[in-house]
């Protein structure tokens, strides 16, 4: 699949490359695995680019790999540095007369090689930054570690990055462009399936397109094919984040994906002590879940619900983790039947997320959310508000428009307006969003 989108991110990277001609620049690129960080940074517009991948080797072996890359790209002898600090110092000094871009991929894995490297990088960077002309890009996919390395005041590299870029999944418009390029006659159900199964993550989208999975039927079938990369993907991503102590974290994520949205529901489901501390870490440290409140609700509201941030992980926990016994017993054809059976309800949830993302991408709204009362009733799927111009759009989202009731929505809006005084005096627009509006 060709390279899509990322115009804003490339603009930032290329601006940093230009600024590095005055003094060294450090850019941190973060994002979950498979999101397309490596492909993005390799598109940086510089005549000379060194690419170092931090494999889990000894420091000496890594330095050998890096030296080969440096000698090939710079066309100079580098010698035999005994440590990464020695090599990094050499490159910083060399860049004083010969500007270039250095990419260090999976930067957080230096901690498994030699934890002192972060302090050594800080020392050399502080010493040479003003006089060197290196455009340093460091990227990493273990979000919690990258944030700690560069955002924790107690870490040596705190405050050293000149800018940070968090790479996000593809936008809804880009997904439509990709699908149209690969299936010019795609239907709305194909677009929804692409969003629901990949979450807009670049590698998953690429897998689907490169495998000819451009229709709903082929996408769902591909999920459970023998040796499908999707089967163990969630575990592969998250075990690195959590380490070996992942059982409770996984159980919480699975419960949320299965519809247990409040802390009470999760506690009742899991019967685990101190669940609040696990939920807090999943939200604030790992960034895997987010707390949702009804629109305009106060932060201390008792109507809190939790949801998974990552659309793909909703799919993985909903099917692959929940039915892992099927996977372990080689019953992938039976898992395929489960996915087909439950896809309508699952994709209905995905359709709500699609429209929420689509509206958010327009930039027209100051606040977007949902509404539900304390009893979990009078739920409204999507509310988008422009508080500056004093208007709001209120929608029900339905795959089947026959299930929509205009009178029912108006009754819910009446309840909403009674409980949300912020809407008083606003121009309100109500309606239905279906797959035809995708």
Protein backbone atom coordinates (compact mmCIF):
# COMPACT_ATOMS: atom_id res chain seq x y z
CA UNK A 1 0.00 0.00 0.00
CA UNK A 2 1.30 3.44 -0.85
CA UNK A 3 2.05 6.11 1.76
CA UNK A 4 -1.04 8.08 2.77
CA UNK A 5 -1.71 11.27 4.69
CA UNK A 6 0.57 12.51 7.51
CA UNK A 7 0.93 15.93 5.87
CA UNK A 8 0.90 17.83 9.18
CA UNK A 9 3.38 15.47 10.79
CA UNK A 10 5.73 15.68 7.81
CA UNK A 11 5.53 19.45 7.90
CA UNK A 12 6.70 19.41 11.52
CA UNK A 13 9.50 16.93 10.76
CA UNK A 14 10.72 18.90 7.77
CA UNK A 15 10.61 22.17 9.70
CA UNK A 16 12.77 20.57 12.40
CA UNK A 17 15.23 19.42 9.72
CA UNK A 18 15.50 23.01 8.46
CA UNK A 19 15.94 24.38 11.99
CA UNK A 20 18.67 21.84 12.74
CA UNK A 21 20.88 23.70 10.29
CA UNK A 22 21.12 26.41 12.96
CA UNK A 23 21.49 24.11 15.98
CA UNK A 24 20.62 20.55 16.87
CA UNK A 25 16.95 19.63 17.10
CA UNK A 26 15.36 16.70 18.92
CA UNK A 27 11.91 15.44 17.93
CA UNK A 28 10.11 12.69 19.81
CA UNK A 29 7.63 10.62 17.81
CA UNK A 30 5.25 8.45 19.84
CA UNK A 31 2.36 6.17 18.99
CA UNK A 32 1.14 2.63 19.48
CA UNK A 33 2.71 -0.24 17.57
CA UNK A 34 1.71 -0.57 13.90
CA UNK A 35 0.54 3.05 13.67
CA UNK A 36 3.10 3.95 10.98
CA UNK A 37 5.82 5.82 12.91
CA UNK A 38 8.74 4.24 11.09
CA UNK A 39 7.26 4.86 7.66
CA UNK A 40 6.53 8.45 8.67
CA UNK A 41 10.00 9.33 9.94
CA UNK A 42 11.64 7.70 6.92
CA UNK A 43 9.75 10.24 4.77
CA UNK A 44 11.61 13.10 6.44
CA UNK A 45 12.95 15.39 3.72
CA UNK A 46 16.72 15.31 4.20
CA UNK A 47 19.48 14.33 1.82
CA UNK A 48 21.23 12.15 4.41
CA UNK A 49 19.27 9.98 6.84
CA UNK A 50 20.74 7.44 9.26
CA UNK A 51 18.32 4.89 10.67
CA UNK A 52 19.19 3.10 13.91
CA UNK A 53 16.82 0.40 15.19
CA UNK A 54 17.30 -0.46 18.85
CA UNK A 55 17.12 -4.24 18.74
CA UNK A 56 17.37 -6.18 21.98
CA UNK A 57 21.06 -6.98 21.69
CA UNK A 58 24.11 -6.18 23.74
CA UNK A 59 25.38 -2.63 23.46
CA UNK A 60 28.49 -3.82 21.63
CA UNK A 61 26.46 -5.65 18.95
CA UNK A 62 24.12 -2.69 18.56
CA UNK A 63 27.08 -0.38 18.05
CA UNK A 64 28.37 -2.66 15.30
CA UNK A 65 25.02 -2.40 13.52
CA UNK A 66 24.93 1.37 13.94
CA UNK A 67 28.51 1.80 12.73
CA UNK A 68 27.74 -0.12 9.53
CA UNK A 69 24.74 2.15 8.89
CA UNK A 70 26.75 5.30 9.62
CA UNK A 71 29.67 4.31 7.40
CA UNK A 72 27.36 3.36 4.56
CA UNK A 73 25.29 6.57 4.68
CA UNK A 74 28.01 9.06 5.65
CA UNK A 75 30.74 7.36 3.57
CA UNK A 76 33.40 7.90 6.20
CA UNK A 77 35.26 5.55 8.57
CA UNK A 78 33.70 5.67 12.03
CA UNK A 79 36.16 3.44 13.83
CA UNK A 80 35.29 1.10 16.69
CA UNK A 81 33.30 2.95 19.37
CA UNK A 82 33.06 0.97 22.59
CA UNK A 83 29.70 2.37 23.60
CA UNK A 84 26.67 4.14 22.15
CA UNK A 85 27.78 7.29 23.97
CA UNK A 86 31.07 7.24 22.05
CA UNK A 87 29.27 6.79 18.72
CA UNK A 88 26.68 9.46 19.53
CA UNK A 89 29.43 11.93 20.45
CA UNK A 90 31.22 11.20 17.18
CA UNK A 91 28.04 11.80 15.16
CA UNK A 92 27.22 15.03 16.97
CA UNK A 93 30.72 16.34 16.31
CA UNK A 94 30.64 15.23 12.67
CA UNK A 95 27.33 17.07 12.15
CA UNK A 96 28.96 20.40 13.03
CA UNK A 97 30.32 20.46 9.48
CA UNK A 98 28.01 17.93 7.79
CA UNK A 99 24.30 18.23 8.72
CA UNK A 100 22.16 15.10 8.59
CA UNK A 101 19.13 13.39 10.15
CA UNK A 102 19.53 10.59 12.70
CA UNK A 103 16.49 8.40 13.43
CA UNK A 104 16.60 6.14 16.50
CA UNK A 105 13.64 3.77 16.37
CA UNK A 106 12.22 1.98 19.46
CA UNK A 107 14.29 4.33 21.55
CA UNK A 108 12.73 3.13 24.82
CA UNK A 109 14.37 -0.28 24.34
CA UNK A 110 17.74 1.22 25.27
CA UNK A 111 16.61 0.53 28.84
CA UNK A 112 16.90 -3.20 28.11
CA UNK A 113 20.36 -2.66 26.62
CA UNK A 114 21.92 -0.27 29.14
CA UNK A 115 19.83 2.10 31.25
CA UNK A 116 22.78 4.48 31.52
CA UNK A 117 22.38 5.33 27.82
CA UNK A 118 19.61 7.84 28.58
CA UNK A 119 21.92 9.79 30.89
CA UNK A 120 24.75 9.55 28.39
CA UNK A 121 22.54 10.85 25.57
CA UNK A 122 21.49 13.74 27.80
CA UNK A 123 25.09 14.59 28.63
CA UNK A 124 26.26 14.56 25.02
CA UNK A 125 23.17 16.42 23.79
CA UNK A 126 23.58 19.18 26.36
CA UNK A 127 27.26 19.49 25.45
CA UNK A 128 26.92 19.56 21.67
CA UNK A 129 23.42 20.82 20.82
CA UNK A 130 24.31 24.47 20.21
CA UNK A 131 27.16 23.71 17.83
CA UNK A 132 25.93 20.59 16.06
CA UNK A 133 23.54 20.42 13.09
CA UNK A 134 21.93 17.07 13.66
CA UNK A 135 18.21 16.52 13.20
CA UNK A 136 17.60 13.86 15.86
CA UNK A 137 14.32 11.95 15.67
CA UNK A 138 13.62 9.38 18.37
CA UNK A 139 10.53 7.22 18.10
CA UNK A 140 8.95 4.62 20.33
CA UNK A 141 5.86 2.46 20.52
CA UNK A 142 5.64 1.69 24.24
CA UNK A 143 3.72 4.82 25.05
CA UNK A 144 4.06 4.63 28.83
CA UNK A 145 7.85 4.32 28.68
CA UNK A 146 8.31 7.07 26.10
CA UNK A 147 6.21 9.45 28.17
CA UNK A 148 8.23 8.63 31.28
CA UNK A 149 11.56 9.08 29.50
CA UNK A 150 10.73 12.51 28.12
CA UNK A 151 7.95 13.87 30.38
CA UNK A 152 8.93 12.70 33.86
CA UNK A 153 10.84 15.48 35.64
CA UNK A 154 13.05 12.89 37.33
CA UNK A 155 14.37 11.43 34.07
CA UNK A 156 17.61 12.68 32.43
CA UNK A 157 15.98 13.50 29.07
CA UNK A 158 13.14 15.51 30.60
CA UNK A 159 12.74 18.81 28.74
CA UNK A 160 15.28 17.95 26.04
CA UNK A 161 12.81 17.37 23.19
CA UNK A 162 12.10 20.41 21.05
CA UNK A 163 8.79 18.94 19.92
CA UNK A 164 6.71 15.81 20.31
CA UNK A 165 4.48 14.20 17.70
CA UNK A 166 1.86 11.63 18.64
CA UNK A 167 0.92 9.62 15.55
CA UNK A 168 -2.80 8.87 15.39
CA UNK A 169 -4.84 6.38 13.34
CA UNK A 170 -5.97 7.44 9.87
CA UNK A 171 -8.84 9.90 9.69
CA UNK A 172 -12.19 8.84 8.28
CA UNK A 173 -11.51 10.76 5.05
CA UNK A 174 -8.19 8.98 4.57
CA UNK A 175 -9.82 5.59 5.17
CA UNK A 176 -12.34 6.43 2.45
CA UNK A 177 -9.53 7.46 0.11
CA UNK A 178 -7.60 4.23 0.75
CA UNK A 179 -10.66 2.04 0.27
CA UNK A 180 -11.67 3.88 -2.91
CA UNK A 181 -8.19 3.39 -4.36
CA UNK A 182 -8.43 -0.35 -3.73
CA UNK A 183 -12.14 -0.86 -4.35
CA UNK A 184 -13.67 1.98 -6.38
CA UNK A 185 -17.15 0.50 -5.97
CA UNK A 186 -17.02 -0.03 -2.21
CA UNK A 187 -20.22 0.13 -0.18
CA UNK A 188 -20.85 1.79 3.16
CA UNK A 189 -20.76 -1.60 4.89
CA UNK A 190 -17.22 -2.13 3.52
CA UNK A 191 -16.05 1.20 4.91
CA UNK A 192 -17.59 0.45 8.29
CA UNK A 193 -15.92 -2.97 8.34
CA UNK A 194 -12.54 -1.39 7.56
CA UNK A 195 -12.98 1.07 10.42
CA UNK A 196 -14.33 -1.58 12.81
CA UNK A 197 -11.60 -4.17 12.16
CA UNK A 198 -8.54 -1.92 11.86
CA UNK A 199 -9.42 1.15 13.88
CA UNK A 200 -7.59 3.13 11.21
CA UNK A 201 -4.19 1.73 12.29
CA UNK A 202 -1.90 1.95 9.28
CA UNK A 203 -0.40 -1.56 9.40
CA UNK A 204 -3.77 -3.27 9.80
CA UNK A 205 -5.24 -1.24 6.94
CA UNK A 206 -2.23 -2.14 4.82
CA UNK A 207 -2.66 -5.84 5.64
CA UNK A 208 -6.27 -5.73 4.52
CA UNK A 209 -5.61 -3.84 1.30
CA UNK A 210 -2.51 -5.83 0.32
CA UNK A 211 -4.45 -9.07 0.88
CA UNK A 212 -7.31 -7.93 -1.34
CA UNK A 213 -9.68 -7.63 1.63
CA UNK A 214 -11.68 -4.68 0.41
CA UNK A 215 -15.20 -5.88 1.22
CA UNK A 216 -16.94 -6.56 4.50
CA UNK A 217 -17.05 -10.30 3.80
CA UNK A 218 -13.34 -10.60 2.98
CA UNK A 219 -12.28 -8.45 5.94
CA UNK A 220 -14.20 -10.51 8.47
CA UNK A 221 -12.96 -13.73 6.89
CA UNK A 222 -9.33 -12.56 7.01
CA UNK A 223 -9.51 -12.00 10.77
CA UNK A 224 -9.68 -15.72 11.51
CA UNK A 225 -7.65 -17.23 8.70
CA UNK A 226 -4.90 -19.62 9.77
CA UNK A 227 -1.85 -17.61 10.90
CA UNK A 228 -3.86 -14.36 10.79
CA UNK A 229 -1.71 -11.62 12.38
CA UNK A 230 -4.82 -10.31 14.13
CA UNK A 231 -5.26 -13.36 16.37
CA UNK A 232 -2.50 -12.58 18.89
CA UNK A 233 -2.00 -8.93 18.05
CA UNK A 234 -3.62 -7.45 21.15
CA UNK A 235 -1.53 -9.58 23.46
CA UNK A 236 1.64 -8.82 21.53
CA UNK A 237 1.01 -5.08 21.90
CA UNK A 238 0.00 -5.00 25.53
CA UNK A 239 2.31 -7.51 27.17
CA UNK A 240 5.17 -5.15 26.35
CA UNK A 241 3.31 -2.34 28.10
CA UNK A 242 2.31 -4.32 31.21
CA UNK A 243 5.11 -6.85 31.49
CA UNK A 244 4.29 -10.26 32.92
CA UNK A 245 1.73 -8.82 35.39
CA UNK A 246 -0.98 -8.30 32.82
CA UNK A 247 -3.84 -10.58 33.91
CA UNK A 248 -5.88 -8.00 35.85
CA UNK A 249 -5.25 -5.27 33.29
CA UNK A 250 -6.42 -7.60 30.51
CA UNK A 251 -9.50 -8.61 32.48
CA UNK A 252 -10.51 -4.97 32.98
CA UNK A 253 -10.04 -4.17 29.31
CA UNK A 254 -12.00 -7.24 28.31
CA UNK A 255 -14.85 -6.30 30.65
CA UNK A 256 -15.07 -2.79 29.20
CA UNK A 257 -14.98 -4.14 25.64
CA UNK A 258 -17.82 -6.50 26.59
CA UNK A 259 -20.06 -3.69 27.84
CA UNK A 260 -19.13 -3.38 31.53
CA UNK A 261 -18.81 0.41 31.48
CA UNK A 262 -18.91 1.54 35.12
CA UNK A 263 -16.50 0.81 37.93
CA UNK A 264 -19.25 -1.02 39.81
CA UNK A 265 -20.00 -3.27 36.85
CA UNK A 266 -16.31 -4.06 36.38
CA UNK A 267 -15.87 -4.85 40.08
CA UNK A 268 -18.90 -7.12 40.10
CA UNK A 269 -17.64 -8.91 37.01
CA UNK A 270 -14.06 -9.46 38.19
CA UNK A 271 -14.30 -9.58 42.00
CA UNK A 272 -10.83 -8.04 42.24
CA UNK A 273 -9.66 -5.94 45.21
CA UNK A 274 -8.37 -2.41 44.66
CA UNK A 275 -9.75 -2.25 41.12
CA UNK A 276 -9.64 1.55 41.25
CA UNK A 277 -5.84 1.67 41.19
CA UNK A 278 -5.75 -0.57 38.11
CA UNK A 279 -8.35 1.57 36.34
CA UNK A 280 -6.44 4.73 37.21
CA UNK A 281 -3.21 3.34 35.75
CA UNK A 282 -4.97 2.18 32.59
CA UNK A 283 -6.36 5.67 32.16
CA UNK A 284 -3.59 8.02 33.28
CA UNK A 285 -0.37 6.03 32.85
CA UNK A 286 -1.03 3.70 29.93
CA UNK A 287 -3.64 5.87 28.18
CA UNK A 288 -5.62 2.79 27.13
CA UNK A 289 -8.98 3.75 28.56
CA UNK A 290 -10.73 7.06 29.01
CA UNK A 291 -13.32 8.26 31.44
CA UNK A 292 -16.54 9.37 29.79
CA UNK A 293 -19.18 11.61 31.32
CA UNK A 294 -22.52 12.77 29.93
CA UNK A 295 -22.04 16.00 28.01
CA UNK A 296 -21.77 19.05 30.31
CA UNK A 297 -21.55 16.81 33.41
CA UNK A 298 -19.22 17.86 36.24
CA UNK A 299 -15.94 16.01 36.70
CA UNK A 300 -17.10 14.52 40.02
CA UNK A 301 -20.31 13.16 38.50
CA UNK A 302 -21.37 9.67 39.55
CA UNK A 303 -22.42 8.92 35.97
CA UNK A 304 -18.85 8.01 34.94
CA UNK A 305 -18.33 5.33 32.33
CA UNK A 306 -15.14 3.91 30.87
CA UNK A 307 -14.30 3.05 27.29
CA UNK A 308 -11.27 1.74 25.41
CA UNK A 309 -9.48 4.44 23.46
CA UNK A 310 -8.10 2.09 20.80
CA UNK A 311 -10.75 0.92 18.35
CA UNK A 312 -8.79 -2.18 17.32
CA UNK A 313 -8.44 -3.32 20.92
CA UNK A 314 -12.22 -3.18 21.28
CA UNK A 315 -12.39 -5.77 18.49
CA UNK A 316 -9.55 -7.88 19.87
CA UNK A 317 -10.86 -8.09 23.41
CA UNK A 318 -14.45 -8.53 22.24
CA UNK A 319 -13.62 -11.57 20.12
CA UNK A 320 -10.08 -12.91 20.27
CA UNK A 321 -9.43 -12.56 24.00
CA UNK A 322 -12.96 -13.49 25.03
CA UNK A 323 -12.86 -16.63 22.90
CA UNK A 324 -9.18 -17.46 23.31
CA UNK A 325 -10.11 -21.09 24.08
CA UNK A 326 -11.35 -21.37 20.48
CA UNK A 327 -8.00 -20.09 19.25
CA UNK A 328 -6.01 -22.45 21.47
CA UNK A 329 -8.07 -25.41 20.27
CA UNK A 330 -7.67 -24.49 16.62
CA UNK A 331 -11.40 -23.79 16.26
CA UNK A 332 -10.93 -20.68 14.14
CA UNK A 333 -13.89 -21.58 11.92
CA UNK A 334 -16.09 -21.52 15.02
CA UNK A 335 -14.67 -18.16 16.06
CA UNK A 336 -15.50 -16.90 12.56
CA UNK A 337 -19.11 -17.94 13.18
CA UNK A 338 -19.13 -16.02 16.48
CA UNK A 339 -17.79 -12.88 14.77
CA UNK A 340 -20.37 -13.14 12.01
CA UNK A 341 -23.13 -13.72 14.57
CA UNK A 342 -22.21 -10.76 16.78
CA UNK A 343 -20.91 -8.40 14.11
CA UNK A 344 -24.13 -6.38 13.79
CA UNK A 345 -24.15 -5.29 17.42
CA UNK A 346 -20.39 -4.76 17.46
CA UNK A 347 -20.43 -2.71 14.25
CA UNK A 348 -23.32 -0.62 15.57
CA UNK A 349 -20.99 0.53 18.35
CA UNK A 350 -18.24 1.09 15.75
CA UNK A 351 -20.62 3.23 13.68
CA UNK A 352 -21.20 5.53 16.66
CA UNK A 353 -17.44 5.89 17.09
CA UNK A 354 -17.02 6.53 13.38
CA UNK A 355 -19.42 9.46 13.41
CA UNK A 356 -17.97 10.87 16.62
CA UNK A 357 -14.52 10.82 15.02
CA UNK A 358 -15.84 12.21 11.74
CA UNK A 359 -17.50 15.17 13.46
CA UNK A 360 -14.44 15.80 15.62
CA UNK A 361 -12.23 15.92 12.54
CA UNK A 362 -14.22 18.82 11.08
CA UNK A 363 -13.09 21.18 13.84
CA UNK A 364 -16.54 22.83 13.86
CA UNK A 365 -17.49 21.86 17.40
CA UNK A 366 -16.25 22.97 20.82
CA UNK A 367 -17.71 19.95 22.61
CA UNK A 368 -18.70 16.46 21.42
CA UNK A 369 -20.16 13.70 23.54
CA UNK A 370 -23.14 11.59 24.56
CA UNK A 371 -25.86 11.88 27.15
CA UNK A 372 -27.35 9.45 29.66
CA UNK A 373 -29.08 9.99 32.98
CA UNK A 374 -28.19 8.41 36.31
CA UNK A 375 -30.31 5.35 35.61
CA UNK A 376 -28.56 4.85 32.28
CA UNK A 377 -31.74 5.78 30.45
CA UNK A 378 -32.62 8.53 27.97
CA UNK A 379 -29.37 7.85 26.14
CA UNK A 380 -28.48 10.01 23.16
CA UNK A 381 -25.81 8.67 20.82
CA UNK A 382 -24.11 11.85 19.68
CA UNK A 383 -24.23 15.51 20.66
CA UNK A 384 -22.00 18.08 18.94
CA UNK A 385 -22.02 21.64 20.30
CA UNK A 386 -20.62 24.95 19.10
CA UNK A 387 -20.64 27.06 22.26
CA UNK A 388 -19.32 30.14 20.47
CA UNK A 389 -22.08 30.34 17.87
CA UNK A 390 -24.72 28.87 20.23
CA UNK A 391 -25.97 25.86 18.31
CA UNK A 392 -25.91 22.11 18.76
CA UNK A 393 -26.57 19.01 16.67
CA UNK A 394 -28.18 16.03 18.38
CA UNK A 395 -28.20 12.66 16.62
CA UNK A 396 -29.32 9.11 16.94
CA UNK A 397 -26.98 6.70 15.10
CA UNK A 398 -28.62 3.65 13.52
CA UNK A 399 -27.41 1.01 11.09
CA UNK A 400 -31.06 0.28 10.36
CA UNK A 401 -32.96 3.56 9.87
CA UNK A 402 -36.24 1.71 10.46
CA UNK A 403 -35.33 1.57 14.15
CA UNK A 404 -35.26 5.36 14.41
CA UNK A 405 -38.12 7.17 16.12
CA UNK A 406 -38.21 10.95 15.75
CA UNK A 407 -40.68 11.28 18.63
CA UNK A 408 -38.48 9.18 20.89
CA UNK A 409 -35.45 11.34 20.15
CA UNK A 410 -37.43 14.54 20.81
CA UNK A 411 -38.55 13.14 24.17
CA UNK A 412 -34.90 12.43 25.06
CA UNK A 413 -33.91 15.92 23.95
CA UNK A 414 -36.52 17.37 26.31
CA UNK A 415 -34.89 15.48 29.19
CA UNK A 416 -31.46 16.58 28.00
CA UNK A 417 -32.43 20.26 27.94
CA UNK A 418 -33.92 20.08 31.44
CA UNK A 419 -30.67 18.67 32.80
CA UNK A 420 -28.19 20.66 30.70
CA UNK A 421 -28.84 24.35 31.26
CA UNK A 422 -25.88 25.11 28.98
CA UNK A 423 -28.13 24.33 26.01
CA UNK A 424 -30.64 27.01 26.95
CA UNK A 425 -31.07 29.53 24.15
CA UNK A 426 -29.07 27.45 21.68
CA UNK A 427 -30.36 26.60 18.23
CA UNK A 428 -30.86 22.83 18.28
CA UNK A 429 -30.78 20.52 15.24
CA UNK A 430 -31.90 16.92 15.67
CA UNK A 431 -31.71 14.03 13.29
CA UNK A 432 -30.53 10.57 12.29
CA UNK A 433 -27.13 9.40 11.09
CA UNK A 434 -27.00 6.14 9.13
CA UNK A 435 -24.48 4.32 7.01
CA UNK A 436 -25.61 6.45 4.08
CA UNK A 437 -24.02 9.45 5.86
CA UNK A 438 -20.58 7.88 6.22
